[in-house]
Amino acid sequence: MNEISEITRSKIFDIIALEEIHWNGKLNEPEFLSRVFDLRNLPSNDYRYKNMEGDIWQHRVRNHDWDDNWIFFDERLNLINCDDAIFLQFLCEMVHPIVRTDITEVSKLIQLFNEYLKYDGYELAEKIQISGHSVYAGRRIILSDEFLKRKKEEIKNVLSDEYVIKQINIMESSVESSPELSIGVSKDLIETICKTILNERTIEFDKKWDLPKLLKTTASHLQLTPNDIPDETKAADTIKKILGSLSMVVYGIAELRNNYGTGHGKEAKFKGLNSRHARLAVGASSTLALFLLETHKIRKEIEAIQKGQSDEKA
């Protein structure tokens, strides 16, 4: 079942028509469409030709007696209902450097397409570069703005600390405008959460500890470390793998912060990461922060119950 809706596709087709965008760029239409479809194995609607390739040559190259936007309504190509992969390939070919060389025009089209695709969770993103020109591929959005917004609200519901909320707001608001700032604050958020939990549990820690050390100590006191899980626990191996990967998330965020985030001087030739990398860092740190906070809250409730039971026995 397709995930890119007919509504999204129709809106993209409409804007192409309204803006009078030549979808085939500098190629003729049969050349362009052959990059996406096997025209020689699609039927002709003109009895004089064996296949669709001849059909297009007759009515768009030789005589030009079809409407300019015929492609969006041709049932043989079925762009309105074809597989998502084919639809995305069609859009990617529209901005391929062989088809379109004007970088400004390509940027405009990418922005336009992504504005509509995002509602279905997709985007066109750079895959490689050829002679200074970007080649794009369709993919799922790594982390959408809606995902980040939801994580922020979840964390705020668990922890009302004003400073933490401020950090989350900074992360969210700077993903597009300042990816380096988002990456830097992502690291700071985990650090703040760990210190908050350790302080609330009256656990001593050294202010000079790095992020991995802070997480390891916090995880240990929350009984999250793999060694704290008994082997007889159901699905113990799976749980250990999941929890063991938490440290890798932290190492990754710490490295991103050191290399690309704020807080360290950069050389004049420094080139930072872009918004999708920032979303990844923000999403990972938000998810980890929420997991730690929720576990801390649950542990406190359990410990309060156990203390009450102990007091009753005494």
C-alpha atoms as a PDB file:
ATOM      1  CA  MET A   1       0.000   0.000   0.000  1.00  0.00           C
ATOM      2  CA  ASN A   2       1.340   3.445  -0.916  1.00  0.00           C
ATOM      3  CA  GLU A   3       2.183   5.882   1.862  1.00  0.00           C
ATOM      4  CA  ILE A   4       2.473   8.957  -0.332  1.00  0.00           C
ATOM      5  CA  SER A   5      -1.170   9.928  -0.754  1.00  0.00           C
ATOM      6  CA  GLU A   6      -3.027  10.919  -3.896  1.00  0.00           C
ATOM      7  CA  ILE A   7      -3.585  14.302  -2.263  1.00  0.00           C
ATOM      8  CA  THR A   8       0.159  14.898  -1.943  1.00  0.00           C
ATOM      9  CA  ARG A   9       0.791  13.731  -5.489  1.00  0.00           C
ATOM     10  CA  SER A  10      -2.010  15.891  -6.886  1.00  0.00           C
ATOM     11  CA  LYS A  11      -0.688  18.973  -5.101  1.00  0.00           C
ATOM     12  CA  ILE A  12       2.778  18.400  -6.543  1.00  0.00           C
ATOM     13  CA  PHE A  13       1.327  17.907 -10.032  1.00  0.00           C
ATOM     14  CA  ASP A  14      -0.788  21.045  -9.652  1.00  0.00           C
ATOM     15  CA  ILE A  15       2.155  23.228  -8.653  1.00  0.00           C
ATOM     16  CA  ILE A  16       4.237  21.863 -11.547  1.00  0.00           C
ATOM     17  CA  ALA A  17       1.420  22.833 -13.916  1.00  0.00           C
ATOM     18  CA  LEU A  18       0.730  26.233 -12.312  1.00  0.00           C
ATOM     19  CA  GLU A  19       4.416  27.195 -12.261  1.00  0.00           C
ATOM     20  CA  GLU A  20       4.784  25.892 -15.829  1.00  0.00           C
ATOM     21  CA  ILE A  21       7.734  23.764 -14.802  1.00  0.00           C
ATOM     22  CA  HIS A  22       9.124  21.600 -17.609  1.00  0.00           C
ATOM     23  CA  TRP A  23       9.285  18.252 -15.824  1.00  0.00           C
ATOM     24  CA  ASN A  24      11.597  16.823 -18.497  1.00  0.00           C
ATOM     25  CA  GLY A  25      14.179  19.621 -18.138  1.00  0.00           C
ATOM     26  CA  LYS A  26      16.614  19.790 -21.041  1.00  0.00           C
ATOM     27  CA  LEU A  27      15.816  16.254 -22.260  1.00  0.00           C
ATOM     28  CA  ASN A  28      13.058  15.431 -24.685  1.00  0.00           C
ATOM     29  CA  GLU A  29      10.129  13.625 -23.105  1.00  0.00           C
ATOM     30  CA  PRO A  30      10.874  10.083 -24.331  1.00  0.00           C
ATOM     31  CA  GLU A  31      14.492  10.424 -23.107  1.00  0.00           C
ATOM     32  CA  PHE A  32      13.383  11.632 -19.699  1.00  0.00           C
ATOM     33  CA  LEU A  33      10.648   9.049 -19.183  1.00  0.00           C
ATOM     34  CA  SER A  34      12.958   6.218 -20.269  1.00  0.00           C
ATOM     35  CA  ARG A  35      15.005   6.988 -17.153  1.00  0.00           C
ATOM     36  CA  VAL A  36      12.014   5.915 -15.029  1.00  0.00           C
ATOM     37  CA  PHE A  37       9.806   3.669 -17.184  1.00  0.00           C
ATOM     38  CA  ASP A  38      10.390   0.906 -19.717  1.00  0.00           C
ATOM     39  CA  LEU A  39       8.520   2.681 -22.506  1.00  0.00           C
ATOM     40  CA  ARG A  40       9.217  -0.057 -25.067  1.00  0.00           C
ATOM     41  CA  ASN A  41       7.226  -2.536 -23.015  1.00  0.00           C
ATOM     42  CA  LEU A  42       4.259  -0.216 -22.454  1.00  0.00           C
ATOM     43  CA  PRO A  43       1.432  -0.226 -25.040  1.00  0.00           C
ATOM     44  CA  SER A  44       0.818   2.501 -27.612  1.00  0.00           C
ATOM     45  CA  ASN A  45      -2.543   4.252 -27.868  1.00  0.00           C
ATOM     46  CA  ASP A  46      -1.794   4.975 -31.520  1.00  0.00           C
ATOM     47  CA  TYR A  47      -2.235   1.957 -33.840  1.00  0.00           C
ATOM     48  CA  ARG A  48       0.712   3.107 -35.941  1.00  0.00           C
ATOM     49  CA  TYR A  49       3.247   2.422 -33.192  1.00  0.00           C
ATOM     50  CA  LYS A  50       4.295  -0.722 -31.370  1.00  0.00           C
ATOM     51  CA  ASN A  51       4.839   0.818 -27.956  1.00  0.00           C
ATOM     52  CA  MET A  52       4.526   3.924 -25.821  1.00  0.00           C
ATOM     53  CA  GLU A  53       7.926   5.243 -26.853  1.00  0.00           C
ATOM     54  CA  GLY A  54       6.762   5.631 -30.460  1.00  0.00           C
ATOM     55  CA  ASP A  55       3.481   7.054 -29.218  1.00  0.00           C
ATOM     56  CA  ILE A  56       5.235   9.845 -27.308  1.00  0.00           C
ATOM     57  CA  TRP A  57       7.609  10.619 -30.158  1.00  0.00           C
ATOM     58  CA  GLN A  58       4.643  11.094 -32.510  1.00  0.00           C
ATOM     59  CA  HIS A  59       2.477  13.240 -30.250  1.00  0.00           C
ATOM     60  CA  ARG A  60       5.031  15.202 -28.229  1.00  0.00           C
ATOM     61  CA  VAL A  61       8.203  15.455 -30.317  1.00  0.00           C
ATOM     62  CA  ARG A  62       6.991  15.418 -33.929  1.00  0.00           C
ATOM     63  CA  ASN A  63       3.532  16.984 -33.663  1.00  0.00           C
ATOM     64  CA  HIS A  64       3.210  18.238 -30.074  1.00  0.00           C
ATOM     65  CA  ASP A  65      -0.550  17.658 -30.113  1.00  0.00           C
ATOM     66  CA  TRP A  66      -0.872  16.368 -26.513  1.00  0.00           C
ATOM     67  CA  ASP A  67      -1.379  18.660 -23.541  1.00  0.00           C
ATOM     68  CA  ASP A  68       1.877  19.681 -21.800  1.00  0.00           C
ATOM     69  CA  ASN A  69       0.824  17.931 -18.603  1.00  0.00           C
ATOM     70  CA  TRP A  70      -0.497  14.759 -20.231  1.00  0.00           C
ATOM     71  CA  ILE A  71       1.933  12.697 -18.140  1.00  0.00           C
ATOM     72  CA  PHE A  72      -0.035  13.216 -14.931  1.00  0.00           C
ATOM     73  CA  PHE A  73      -3.171  11.679 -16.387  1.00  0.00           C
ATOM     74  CA  ASP A  74      -1.808   8.852 -18.513  1.00  0.00           C
ATOM     75  CA  GLU A  75      -3.050   5.541 -17.069  1.00  0.00           C
ATOM     76  CA  ARG A  76      -0.083   3.629 -18.459  1.00  0.00           C
ATOM     77  CA  LEU A  77       2.331   5.541 -16.217  1.00  0.00           C
ATOM     78  CA  ASN A  78      -0.258   5.938 -13.447  1.00  0.00           C
ATOM     79  CA  LEU A  79       1.802   8.474 -11.488  1.00  0.00           C
ATOM     80  CA  ILE A  80      -1.145   9.214  -9.221  1.00  0.00           C
ATOM     81  CA  ASN A  81      -1.237   5.601  -7.944  1.00  0.00           C
ATOM     82  CA  CYS A  82       2.102   4.026  -8.901  1.00  0.00           C
ATOM     83  CA  ASP A  83       4.438   2.615  -6.256  1.00  0.00           C
ATOM     84  CA  ASP A  84       5.963   5.200  -3.946  1.00  0.00           C
ATOM     85  CA  ALA A  85       9.431   4.216  -5.177  1.00  0.00           C
ATOM     86  CA  ILE A  86       8.531   5.008  -8.786  1.00  0.00           C
ATOM     87  CA  PHE A  87       6.877   8.301  -7.844  1.00  0.00           C
ATOM     88  CA  LEU A  88       9.941   9.370  -5.825  1.00  0.00           C
ATOM     89  CA  GLN A  89      12.237   8.323  -8.666  1.00  0.00           C
ATOM     90  CA  PHE A  90      10.231  10.494 -11.044  1.00  0.00           C
ATOM     91  CA  LEU A  91      10.715  13.524  -8.777  1.00  0.00           C
ATOM     92  CA  CYS A  92      14.419  12.737  -8.305  1.00  0.00           C
ATOM     93  CA  GLU A  93      14.941  12.527 -12.066  1.00  0.00           C
ATOM     94  CA  MET A  94      13.377  15.977 -12.424  1.00  0.00           C
ATOM     95  CA  VAL A  95      16.272  17.424 -10.390  1.00  0.00           C
ATOM     96  CA  HIS A  96      19.032  15.140 -11.684  1.00  0.00           C
ATOM     97  CA  PRO A  97      22.037  17.114 -13.055  1.00  0.00           C
ATOM     98  CA  ILE A  98      21.639  15.419 -16.443  1.00  0.00           C
ATOM     99  CA  VAL A  99      18.101  16.767 -16.603  1.00  0.00           C
ATOM    100  CA  ARG A 100      18.500  20.136 -14.856  1.00  0.00           C
ATOM    101  CA  THR A 101      21.771  22.035 -14.316  1.00  0.00           C
ATOM    102  CA  ASP A 102      20.516  25.296 -12.781  1.00  0.00           C
ATOM    103  CA  ILE A 103      21.339  24.870  -9.072  1.00  0.00           C
ATOM    104  CA  THR A 104      18.902  27.608  -8.044  1.00  0.00           C
ATOM    105  CA  GLU A 105      16.075  25.930  -9.937  1.00  0.00           C
ATOM    106  CA  VAL A 106      16.960  22.539  -8.443  1.00  0.00           C
ATOM    107  CA  SER A 107      16.975  23.981  -4.907  1.00  0.00           C
ATOM    108  CA  LYS A 108      13.571  25.543  -5.492  1.00  0.00           C
ATOM    109  CA  LEU A 109      12.116  22.250  -6.713  1.00  0.00           C
ATOM    110  CA  ILE A 110      13.608  20.261  -3.815  1.00  0.00           C
ATOM    111  CA  GLN A 111      12.132  22.723  -1.340  1.00  0.00           C
ATOM    112  CA  LEU A 112       8.767  22.582  -3.095  1.00  0.00           C
ATOM    113  CA  PHE A 113       8.642  18.765  -3.264  1.00  0.00           C
ATOM    114  CA  ASN A 114       9.758  18.312   0.347  1.00  0.00           C
ATOM    115  CA  GLU A 115       7.168  20.801   1.575  1.00  0.00           C
ATOM    116  CA  TYR A 116       4.440  18.413   0.389  1.00  0.00           C
ATOM    117  CA  LEU A 117       6.212  15.075   0.927  1.00  0.00           C
ATOM    118  CA  LYS A 118       6.876  15.783   4.618  1.00  0.00           C
ATOM    119  CA  TYR A 119       3.204  15.258   5.467  1.00  0.00           C
ATOM    120  CA  ASP A 120       3.555  11.634   4.397  1.00  0.00           C
ATOM    121  CA  GLY A 121       6.928  11.222   6.131  1.00  0.00           C
ATOM    122  CA  TYR A 122       9.164  11.401   3.045  1.00  0.00           C
ATOM    123  CA  GLU A 123      11.773  13.745   1.604  1.00  0.00           C
ATOM    124  CA  LEU A 124      14.275  14.055  -1.220  1.00  0.00           C
ATOM    125  CA  ALA A 125      17.806  14.111   0.202  1.00  0.00           C
ATOM    126  CA  GLU A 126      21.243  14.371  -1.374  1.00  0.00           C
ATOM    127  CA  LYS A 127      22.758  10.957  -2.069  1.00  0.00           C
ATOM    128  CA  ILE A 128      25.985  11.805  -3.882  1.00  0.00           C
ATOM    129  CA  GLN A 129      27.560  14.637  -5.836  1.00  0.00           C
ATOM    130  CA  ILE A 130      28.665  14.490  -9.469  1.00  0.00           C
ATOM    131  CA  SER A 131      30.943  17.282 -10.707  1.00  0.00           C
ATOM    132  CA  GLY A 132      29.657  19.628  -8.034  1.00  0.00           C
ATOM    133  CA  HIS A 133      25.983  18.806  -8.661  1.00  0.00           C
ATOM    134  CA  SER A 134      23.775  16.948  -6.184  1.00  0.00           C
ATOM    135  CA  VAL A 135      22.031  13.693  -7.037  1.00  0.00           C
ATOM    136  CA  TYR A 136      18.950  13.102  -4.895  1.00  0.00           C
ATOM    137  CA  ALA A 137      17.134  10.031  -3.614  1.00  0.00           C
ATOM    138  CA  GLY A 138      13.753   9.657  -1.959  1.00  0.00           C
ATOM    139  CA  ARG A 139      13.682   8.375   1.598  1.00  0.00           C
ATOM    140  CA  ARG A 140      11.742   8.439   4.818  1.00  0.00           C
ATOM    141  CA  ILE A 141      12.362  11.506   6.941  1.00  0.00           C
ATOM    142  CA  ILE A 142      14.871  10.533   9.652  1.00  0.00           C
ATOM    143  CA  LEU A 143      13.111  12.455  12.370  1.00  0.00           C
ATOM    144  CA  SER A 144      10.229  14.773  11.640  1.00  0.00           C
ATOM    145  CA  ASP A 145       9.539  18.051  13.396  1.00  0.00           C
ATOM    146  CA  GLU A 146       6.358  16.483  14.770  1.00  0.00           C
ATOM    147  CA  PHE A 147       8.401  13.705  16.372  1.00  0.00           C
ATOM    148  CA  LEU A 148      10.703  16.218  18.062  1.00  0.00           C
ATOM    149  CA  LYS A 149       7.778  18.313  19.258  1.00  0.00           C
ATOM    150  CA  ARG A 150       6.096  15.240  20.756  1.00  0.00           C
ATOM    151  CA  LYS A 151       9.286  14.242  22.581  1.00  0.00           C
ATOM    152  CA  LYS A 152       9.614  17.723  24.028  1.00  0.00           C
ATOM    153  CA  GLU A 153       6.090  17.611  25.419  1.00  0.00           C
ATOM    154  CA  GLU A 154       6.647  14.130  26.877  1.00  0.00           C
ATOM    155  CA  ILE A 155       9.787  15.243  28.706  1.00  0.00           C
ATOM    156  CA  LYS A 156       8.073  18.382  30.010  1.00  0.00           C
ATOM    157  CA  ASN A 157       5.272  16.216  31.413  1.00  0.00           C
ATOM    158  CA  VAL A 158       7.774  14.106  33.344  1.00  0.00           C
ATOM    159  CA  LEU A 159      10.151  16.855  34.460  1.00  0.00           C
ATOM    160  CA  SER A 160       9.071  20.458  34.927  1.00  0.00           C
ATOM    161  CA  ASP A 161      12.574  21.811  35.579  1.00  0.00           C
ATOM    162  CA  GLU A 162      12.734  25.234  33.900  1.00  0.00           C
ATOM    163  CA  TYR A 163      16.347  24.860  32.730  1.00  0.00           C
ATOM    164  CA  VAL A 164      15.702  21.481  31.087  1.00  0.00           C
ATOM    165  CA  ILE A 165      12.624  22.820  29.301  1.00  0.00           C
ATOM    166  CA  LYS A 166      14.686  25.762  28.071  1.00  0.00           C
ATOM    167  CA  GLN A 167      17.293  23.363  26.651  1.00  0.00           C
ATOM    168  CA  ILE A 168      14.624  21.384  24.833  1.00  0.00           C
ATOM    169  CA  ASN A 169      13.124  24.563  23.370  1.00  0.00           C
ATOM    170  CA  ILE A 170      16.558  25.644  22.121  1.00  0.00           C
ATOM    171  CA  MET A 171      17.166  22.230  20.533  1.00  0.00           C
ATOM    172  CA  GLU A 172      13.841  22.223  18.762  1.00  0.00           C
ATOM    173  CA  SER A 173      13.981  25.799  17.512  1.00  0.00           C
ATOM    174  CA  SER A 174      17.554  25.623  16.196  1.00  0.00           C
ATOM    175  CA  VAL A 175      17.419  22.362  14.219  1.00  0.00           C
ATOM    176  CA  GLU A 176      16.931  24.252  10.932  1.00  0.00           C
ATOM    177  CA  SER A 177      18.581  27.594  11.665  1.00  0.00           C
ATOM    178  CA  SER A 178      21.603  26.386  13.654  1.00  0.00           C
ATOM    179  CA  PRO A 179      22.218  22.599  13.503  1.00  0.00           C
ATOM    180  CA  GLU A 180      25.506  22.940  15.427  1.00  0.00           C
ATOM    181  CA  LEU A 181      23.658  24.549  18.343  1.00  0.00           C
ATOM    182  CA  SER A 182      21.072  21.742  18.388  1.00  0.00           C
ATOM    183  CA  ILE A 183      23.821  19.124  18.457  1.00  0.00           C
ATOM    184  CA  GLY A 184      25.626  20.912  21.283  1.00  0.00           C
ATOM    185  CA  VAL A 185      22.486  21.291  23.378  1.00  0.00           C
ATOM    186  CA  SER A 186      21.573  17.620  22.734  1.00  0.00           C
ATOM    187  CA  LYS A 187      24.721  16.584  24.558  1.00  0.00           C
ATOM    188  CA  ASP A 188      24.077  19.115  27.322  1.00  0.00           C
ATOM    189  CA  LEU A 189      20.530  17.806  27.801  1.00  0.00           C
ATOM    190  CA  ILE A 190      21.698  14.247  28.580  1.00  0.00           C
ATOM    191  CA  GLU A 191      24.347  15.651  30.897  1.00  0.00           C
ATOM    192  CA  THR A 192      21.742  17.751  32.730  1.00  0.00           C
ATOM    193  CA  ILE A 193      19.314  14.841  33.057  1.00  0.00           C
ATOM    194  CA  CYS A 194      21.995  12.553  34.483  1.00  0.00           C
ATOM    195  CA  LYS A 195      23.120  15.157  37.021  1.00  0.00           C
ATOM    196  CA  THR A 196      19.497  15.896  37.976  1.00  0.00           C
ATOM    197  CA  ILE A 197      18.796  12.222  38.634  1.00  0.00           C
ATOM    198  CA  LEU A 198      22.026  11.704  40.577  1.00  0.00           C
ATOM    199  CA  ASN A 199      21.346  14.782  42.714  1.00  0.00           C
ATOM    200  CA  GLU A 200      17.805  13.641  43.479  1.00  0.00           C
ATOM    201  CA  ARG A 201      19.149  10.246  44.498  1.00  0.00           C
ATOM    202  CA  THR A 202      21.896  11.901  46.573  1.00  0.00           C
ATOM    203  CA  ILE A 203      24.595  10.158  44.565  1.00  0.00           C
ATOM    204  CA  GLU A 204      27.966  11.908  44.533  1.00  0.00           C
ATOM    205  CA  PHE A 205      29.653  12.545  41.198  1.00  0.00           C
ATOM    206  CA  ASP A 206      32.617  14.487  39.906  1.00  0.00           C
ATOM    207  CA  LYS A 207      31.736  17.609  37.928  1.00  0.00           C
ATOM    208  CA  LYS A 208      34.647  16.811  35.626  1.00  0.00           C
ATOM    209  CA  TRP A 209      33.148  13.487  34.503  1.00  0.00           C
ATOM    210  CA  ASP A 210      32.540  13.212  30.782  1.00  0.00           C
ATOM    211  CA  LEU A 211      29.129  12.277  29.387  1.00  0.00           C
ATOM    212  CA  PRO A 212      29.713   8.504  29.032  1.00  0.00           C
ATOM    213  CA  LYS A 213      30.898   8.317  32.663  1.00  0.00           C
ATOM    214  CA  LEU A 214      27.851  10.260  33.839  1.00  0.00           C
ATOM    215  CA  LEU A 215      25.485   7.980  31.948  1.00  0.00           C
ATOM    216  CA  LYS A 216      27.185   4.826  33.186  1.00  0.00           C
ATOM    217  CA  THR A 217      26.828   5.965  36.803  1.00  0.00           C
ATOM    218  CA  THR A 218      23.223   7.066  36.308  1.00  0.00           C
ATOM    219  CA  ALA A 219      22.292   3.834  34.536  1.00  0.00           C
ATOM    220  CA  SER A 220      23.904   1.784  37.283  1.00  0.00           C
ATOM    221  CA  HIS A 221      21.885   3.460  40.039  1.00  0.00           C
ATOM    222  CA  LEU A 222      18.717   3.103  37.991  1.00  0.00           C
ATOM    223  CA  GLN A 223      19.587  -0.580  37.461  1.00  0.00           C
ATOM    224  CA  LEU A 224      19.806  -0.128  33.714  1.00  0.00           C
ATOM    225  CA  THR A 225      23.262  -1.542  33.062  1.00  0.00           C
ATOM    226  CA  PRO A 226      23.420  -4.979  31.406  1.00  0.00           C
ATOM    227  CA  ASN A 227      25.197  -6.450  34.447  1.00  0.00           C
ATOM    228  CA  ASP A 228      22.224  -5.511  36.641  1.00  0.00           C
ATOM    229  CA  ILE A 229      19.891  -7.771  34.676  1.00  0.00           C
ATOM    230  CA  PRO A 230      19.826 -11.379  35.933  1.00  0.00           C
ATOM    231  CA  ASP A 231      20.318 -14.040  33.283  1.00  0.00           C
ATOM    232  CA  GLU A 232      17.069 -15.768  34.182  1.00  0.00           C
ATOM    233  CA  THR A 233      15.062 -12.675  33.266  1.00  0.00           C
ATOM    234  CA  LYS A 234      12.806 -13.315  30.320  1.00  0.00           C
ATOM    235  CA  ALA A 235      14.397 -12.007  27.106  1.00  0.00           C
ATOM    236  CA  ALA A 236      17.450 -10.962  29.143  1.00  0.00           C
ATOM    237  CA  ASP A 237      19.740 -11.043  26.112  1.00  0.00           C
ATOM    238  CA  THR A 238      17.476  -8.712  24.151  1.00  0.00           C
ATOM    239  CA  ILE A 239      17.139  -6.300  27.059  1.00  0.00           C
ATOM    240  CA  LYS A 240      20.909  -6.250  27.530  1.00  0.00           C
ATOM    241  CA  LYS A 241      21.462  -5.447  23.860  1.00  0.00           C
ATOM    242  CA  ILE A 242      18.980  -2.583  23.934  1.00  0.00           C
ATOM    243  CA  LEU A 243      20.315  -1.086  27.138  1.00  0.00           C
ATOM    244  CA  GLY A 244      23.911  -1.667  26.105  1.00  0.00           C
ATOM    245  CA  SER A 245      23.268   0.421  22.999  1.00  0.00           C
ATOM    246  CA  LEU A 246      22.354   3.418  25.165  1.00  0.00           C
ATOM    247  CA  SER A 247      26.024   4.055  25.780  1.00  0.00           C
ATOM    248  CA  MET A 248      26.640   4.058  22.027  1.00  0.00           C
ATOM    249  CA  VAL A 249      23.990   6.755  21.629  1.00  0.00           C
ATOM    250  CA  VAL A 250      25.776   8.879  24.212  1.00  0.00           C
ATOM    251  CA  TYR A 251      29.203   8.304  22.656  1.00  0.00           C
ATOM    252  CA  GLY A 252      27.764   9.330  19.300  1.00  0.00           C
ATOM    253  CA  ILE A 253      26.186  12.514  20.643  1.00  0.00           C
ATOM    254  CA  ALA A 254      29.372  13.387  22.539  1.00  0.00           C
ATOM    255  CA  GLU A 255      31.460  12.922  19.382  1.00  0.00           C
ATOM    256  CA  LEU A 256      29.032  14.964  17.295  1.00  0.00           C
ATOM    257  CA  ARG A 257      29.186  17.726  19.861  1.00  0.00           C
ATOM    258  CA  ASN A 258      32.986  17.686  19.960  1.00  0.00           C
ATOM    259  CA  ASN A 259      33.347  17.714  16.191  1.00  0.00           C
ATOM    260  CA  TYR A 260      30.328  19.663  14.986  1.00  0.00           C
ATOM    261  CA  GLY A 261      28.454  21.164  17.921  1.00  0.00           C
ATOM    262  CA  THR A 262      28.894  24.417  19.802  1.00  0.00           C
ATOM    263  CA  GLY A 263      31.381  24.785  22.622  1.00  0.00           C
ATOM    264  CA  HIS A 264      34.634  24.221  20.724  1.00  0.00           C
ATOM    265  CA  GLY A 265      36.589  26.559  18.482  1.00  0.00           C
ATOM    266  CA  LYS A 266      36.438  25.735  14.781  1.00  0.00           C
ATOM    267  CA  GLU A 267      38.856  26.332  11.945  1.00  0.00           C
ATOM    268  CA  ALA A 268      37.936  28.934   9.341  1.00  0.00           C
ATOM    269  CA  LYS A 269      37.318  26.176   6.783  1.00  0.00           C
ATOM    270  CA  PHE A 270      34.931  24.336   9.145  1.00  0.00           C
ATOM    271  CA  LYS A 271      31.841  22.932   7.454  1.00  0.00           C
ATOM    272  CA  GLY A 272      29.121  21.794   9.823  1.00  0.00           C
ATOM    273  CA  LEU A 273      26.446  19.151   9.527  1.00  0.00           C
ATOM    274  CA  ASN A 274      22.995  19.993   8.286  1.00  0.00           C
ATOM    275  CA  SER A 275      19.512  19.875   9.807  1.00  0.00           C
ATOM    276  CA  ARG A 276      18.920  16.144   9.274  1.00  0.00           C
ATOM    277  CA  HIS A 277      21.998  15.308  11.347  1.00  0.00           C
ATOM    278  CA  ALA A 278      20.787  17.710  14.025  1.00  0.00           C
ATOM    279  CA  ARG A 279      17.379  16.000  14.033  1.00  0.00           C
ATOM    280  CA  LEU A 280      19.100  12.664  14.584  1.00  0.00           C
ATOM    281  CA  ALA A 281      21.061  13.998  17.569  1.00  0.00           C
ATOM    282  CA  VAL A 282      18.037  15.803  19.021  1.00  0.00           C
ATOM    283  CA  GLY A 283      15.772  12.788  18.531  1.00  0.00           C
ATOM    284  CA  ALA A 284      18.252  10.374  20.120  1.00  0.00           C
ATOM    285  CA  SER A 285      18.960  12.620  23.103  1.00  0.00           C
ATOM    286  CA  SER A 286      15.259  13.356  23.660  1.00  0.00           C
ATOM    287  CA  THR A 287      14.365   9.663  23.573  1.00  0.00           C
ATOM    288  CA  LEU A 288      17.201   8.753  25.942  1.00  0.00           C
ATOM    289  CA  ALA A 289      16.406  11.648  28.293  1.00  0.00           C
ATOM    290  CA  LEU A 290      12.759  10.624  28.487  1.00  0.00           C
ATOM    291  CA  PHE A 291      13.689   6.984  29.126  1.00  0.00           C
ATOM    292  CA  LEU A 292      16.002   7.950  31.993  1.00  0.00           C
ATOM    293  CA  LEU A 293      13.459  10.310  33.538  1.00  0.00           C
ATOM    294  CA  GLU A 294      10.585   7.838  33.357  1.00  0.00           C
ATOM    295  CA  THR A 295      12.738   5.068  34.826  1.00  0.00           C
ATOM    296  CA  HIS A 296      13.874   7.415  37.608  1.00  0.00           C
ATOM    297  CA  LYS A 297      10.250   8.271  38.386  1.00  0.00           C
ATOM    298  CA  ILE A 298       9.214   4.610  38.473  1.00  0.00           C
ATOM    299  CA  ARG A 299      12.179   3.676  40.673  1.00  0.00           C
ATOM    300  CA  LYS A 300      11.262   6.445  43.135  1.00  0.00           C
ATOM    301  CA  GLU A 301       7.677   5.178  43.337  1.00  0.00           C
ATOM    302  CA  ILE A 302       8.832   1.598  43.917  1.00  0.00           C
ATOM    303  CA  GLU A 303      11.351   2.685  46.537  1.00  0.00           C
ATOM    304  CA  ALA A 304       8.674   4.756  48.327  1.00  0.00           C
ATOM    305  CA  ILE A 305       6.368   1.730  48.466  1.00  0.00           C
ATOM    306  CA  GLN A 306       9.171  -0.510  49.723  1.00  0.00           C
ATOM    307  CA  LYS A 307      10.102   2.031  52.400  1.00  0.00           C
ATOM    308  CA  GLY A 308       6.478   2.257  53.515  1.00  0.00           C
ATOM    309  CA  GLN A 309       6.251  -1.532  53.790  1.00  0.00           C
ATOM    310  CA  SER A 310       9.511  -1.615  55.745  1.00  0.00           C
ATOM    311  CA  ASP A 311       8.279   1.053  58.147  1.00  0.00           C
ATOM    312  CA  GLU A 312       5.066  -0.880  58.757  1.00  0.00           C
ATOM    313  CA  LYS A 313       7.008  -4.031  59.649  1.00  0.00           C
ATOM    314  CA  ALA A 314       9.243  -2.056  62.012  1.00  0.00           C
END
